[in-house]
Amino acid sequence: MTRADTLTVPRFVGRKEYFGSVFFDRDNHRILPFDKASTLLLWNAPCPREELHQAFRAILTAEGTDQFLSRWTEAGLLTPQGALNARCL
């Protein structure tokens, strides 16, 4: 089965864990672990950037939050609109 055959199945599958969350990348067969702060950013997306900056200012700068979200948008874990692009268990 190729990726084209599974267009309705998201590339990433995620679940919450005691330390945060993990996502499995079906294309690369890699497990991506995220800590609690990263999990909050991912699982609360989409959210207005200003709200995210305010919520995470104690642990991340606004620039750091934007870089984190941009990186995972480029990788496909977030949609261009900022929503989580994964099947969550």
C-alpha atoms as a PDB file:
ATOM      1  CA  MET A   1       0.000   0.000   0.000  1.00  0.00           C
ATOM      2  CA  THR A   2       1.396   3.374  -0.959  1.00  0.00           C
ATOM      3  CA  ARG A   3       0.796   6.771   0.604  1.00  0.00           C
ATOM      4  CA  ALA A   4      -1.482   7.625  -2.337  1.00  0.00           C
ATOM      5  CA  ASP A   5      -3.702   4.670  -1.394  1.00  0.00           C
ATOM      6  CA  THR A   6      -4.210   6.044   2.103  1.00  0.00           C
ATOM      7  CA  LEU A   7      -5.020   9.694   1.435  1.00  0.00           C
ATOM      8  CA  THR A   8      -7.804   9.644   4.021  1.00  0.00           C
ATOM      9  CA  VAL A   9      -5.427   8.404   6.715  1.00  0.00           C
ATOM     10  CA  PRO A  10      -3.315  11.145   8.327  1.00  0.00           C
ATOM     11  CA  ARG A  11       0.445  10.784   8.136  1.00  0.00           C
ATOM     12  CA  PHE A  12       0.760  11.161  11.913  1.00  0.00           C
ATOM     13  CA  VAL A  13      -0.901   9.236  14.724  1.00  0.00           C
ATOM     14  CA  GLY A  14      -0.582  10.632  18.235  1.00  0.00           C
ATOM     15  CA  ARG A  15      -1.469   9.854  21.791  1.00  0.00           C
ATOM     16  CA  LYS A  16      -0.947  11.525  25.135  1.00  0.00           C
ATOM     17  CA  GLU A  17       1.511  10.004  27.585  1.00  0.00           C
ATOM     18  CA  TYR A  18       2.541  10.765  31.167  1.00  0.00           C
ATOM     19  CA  PHE A  19       5.503  12.861  29.914  1.00  0.00           C
ATOM     20  CA  GLY A  20       3.556  14.654  27.168  1.00  0.00           C
ATOM     21  CA  SER A  21       2.734  12.862  23.923  1.00  0.00           C
ATOM     22  CA  VAL A  22       4.118  10.761  21.108  1.00  0.00           C
ATOM     23  CA  PHE A  23       3.381  10.866  17.413  1.00  0.00           C
ATOM     24  CA  PHE A  24       4.155   8.121  14.944  1.00  0.00           C
ATOM     25  CA  ASP A  25       5.158   9.324  11.479  1.00  0.00           C
ATOM     26  CA  ARG A  26       3.767   6.730   9.074  1.00  0.00           C
ATOM     27  CA  ASP A  27       5.923   7.940   6.178  1.00  0.00           C
ATOM     28  CA  ASN A  28       9.271   7.752   7.969  1.00  0.00           C
ATOM     29  CA  HIS A  29       8.382   5.086  10.542  1.00  0.00           C
ATOM     30  CA  ARG A  30       9.667   7.346  13.313  1.00  0.00           C
ATOM     31  CA  ILE A  31       8.324   8.030  16.771  1.00  0.00           C
ATOM     32  CA  LEU A  32       8.354  11.698  17.779  1.00  0.00           C
ATOM     33  CA  PRO A  33       8.174  12.325  21.534  1.00  0.00           C
ATOM     34  CA  PHE A  34       7.015  15.696  22.879  1.00  0.00           C
ATOM     35  CA  ASP A  35       7.229  17.032  26.412  1.00  0.00           C
ATOM     36  CA  LYS A  36       4.228  18.493  28.260  1.00  0.00           C
ATOM     37  CA  ALA A  37       4.749  22.074  27.013  1.00  0.00           C
ATOM     38  CA  SER A  38       5.075  20.958  23.395  1.00  0.00           C
ATOM     39  CA  THR A  39       2.035  18.737  23.786  1.00  0.00           C
ATOM     40  CA  LEU A  40      -0.002  21.716  24.988  1.00  0.00           C
ATOM     41  CA  LEU A  41       1.058  23.723  21.938  1.00  0.00           C
ATOM     42  CA  LEU A  42       0.230  20.937  19.499  1.00  0.00           C
ATOM     43  CA  TRP A  43      -3.015  19.700  21.025  1.00  0.00           C
ATOM     44  CA  ASN A  44      -4.388  23.237  21.477  1.00  0.00           C
ATOM     45  CA  ALA A  45      -3.728  24.262  17.879  1.00  0.00           C
ATOM     46  CA  PRO A  46      -5.254  26.100  16.145  1.00  0.00           C
ATOM     47  CA  CYS A  47      -5.335  28.945  18.549  1.00  0.00           C
ATOM     48  CA  PRO A  48      -4.608  32.605  17.841  1.00  0.00           C
ATOM     49  CA  ARG A  49      -0.842  33.120  18.005  1.00  0.00           C
ATOM     50  CA  GLU A  50      -1.266  35.955  20.507  1.00  0.00           C
ATOM     51  CA  GLU A  51      -3.043  33.573  22.909  1.00  0.00           C
ATOM     52  CA  LEU A  52      -0.291  30.979  22.490  1.00  0.00           C
ATOM     53  CA  HIS A  53       2.414  33.591  23.102  1.00  0.00           C
ATOM     54  CA  GLN A  54       0.679  34.684  26.298  1.00  0.00           C
ATOM     55  CA  ALA A  55       0.011  31.142  27.524  1.00  0.00           C
ATOM     56  CA  PHE A  56       3.597  29.980  27.010  1.00  0.00           C
ATOM     57  CA  ARG A  57       5.551  33.150  27.797  1.00  0.00           C
ATOM     58  CA  ALA A  58       6.894  31.573  31.010  1.00  0.00           C
ATOM     59  CA  ILE A  59       8.651  28.813  29.062  1.00  0.00           C
ATOM     60  CA  LEU A  60       9.021  30.132  25.495  1.00  0.00           C
ATOM     61  CA  THR A  61       9.540  33.484  23.860  1.00  0.00           C
ATOM     62  CA  ALA A  62       7.049  34.540  21.187  1.00  0.00           C
ATOM     63  CA  GLU A  63       9.775  33.840  18.628  1.00  0.00           C
ATOM     64  CA  GLY A  64      10.354  30.372  20.101  1.00  0.00           C
ATOM     65  CA  THR A  65       6.642  29.570  19.945  1.00  0.00           C
ATOM     66  CA  ASP A  66       6.486  30.717  16.322  1.00  0.00           C
ATOM     67  CA  GLN A  67       9.586  28.684  15.399  1.00  0.00           C
ATOM     68  CA  PHE A  68       8.150  25.559  17.043  1.00  0.00           C
ATOM     69  CA  LEU A  69       4.829  25.909  15.215  1.00  0.00           C
ATOM     70  CA  SER A  70       6.516  26.758  11.893  1.00  0.00           C
ATOM     71  CA  ARG A  71       8.814  23.743  12.108  1.00  0.00           C
ATOM     72  CA  TRP A  72       5.954  21.318  12.630  1.00  0.00           C
ATOM     73  CA  THR A  73       3.807  23.002   9.976  1.00  0.00           C
ATOM     74  CA  GLU A  74       6.648  22.434   7.484  1.00  0.00           C
ATOM     75  CA  ALA A  75       6.884  18.801   8.587  1.00  0.00           C
ATOM     76  CA  GLY A  76       3.126  18.308   8.106  1.00  0.00           C
ATOM     77  CA  LEU A  77       2.152  17.737  11.734  1.00  0.00           C
ATOM     78  CA  LEU A  78       0.194  21.010  11.662  1.00  0.00           C
ATOM     79  CA  THR A  79      -1.912  22.252   8.755  1.00  0.00           C
ATOM     80  CA  PRO A  80      -1.148  25.648   7.180  1.00  0.00           C
ATOM     81  CA  GLN A  81      -4.095  26.955   9.231  1.00  0.00           C
ATOM     82  CA  GLY A  82      -2.369  25.707  12.386  1.00  0.00           C
ATOM     83  CA  ALA A  83      -4.591  22.730  13.195  1.00  0.00           C
ATOM     84  CA  LEU A  84      -3.152  19.411  14.327  1.00  0.00           C
ATOM     85  CA  ASN A  85      -2.918  17.110  11.289  1.00  0.00           C
ATOM     86  CA  ALA A  86      -2.953  13.759  13.040  1.00  0.00           C
ATOM     87  CA  ARG A  87      -5.223  11.005  14.164  1.00  0.00           C
ATOM     88  CA  CYS A  88      -5.273  11.242  17.932  1.00  0.00           C
ATOM     89  CA  LEU A  89      -5.954   8.193  20.038  1.00  0.00           C
END
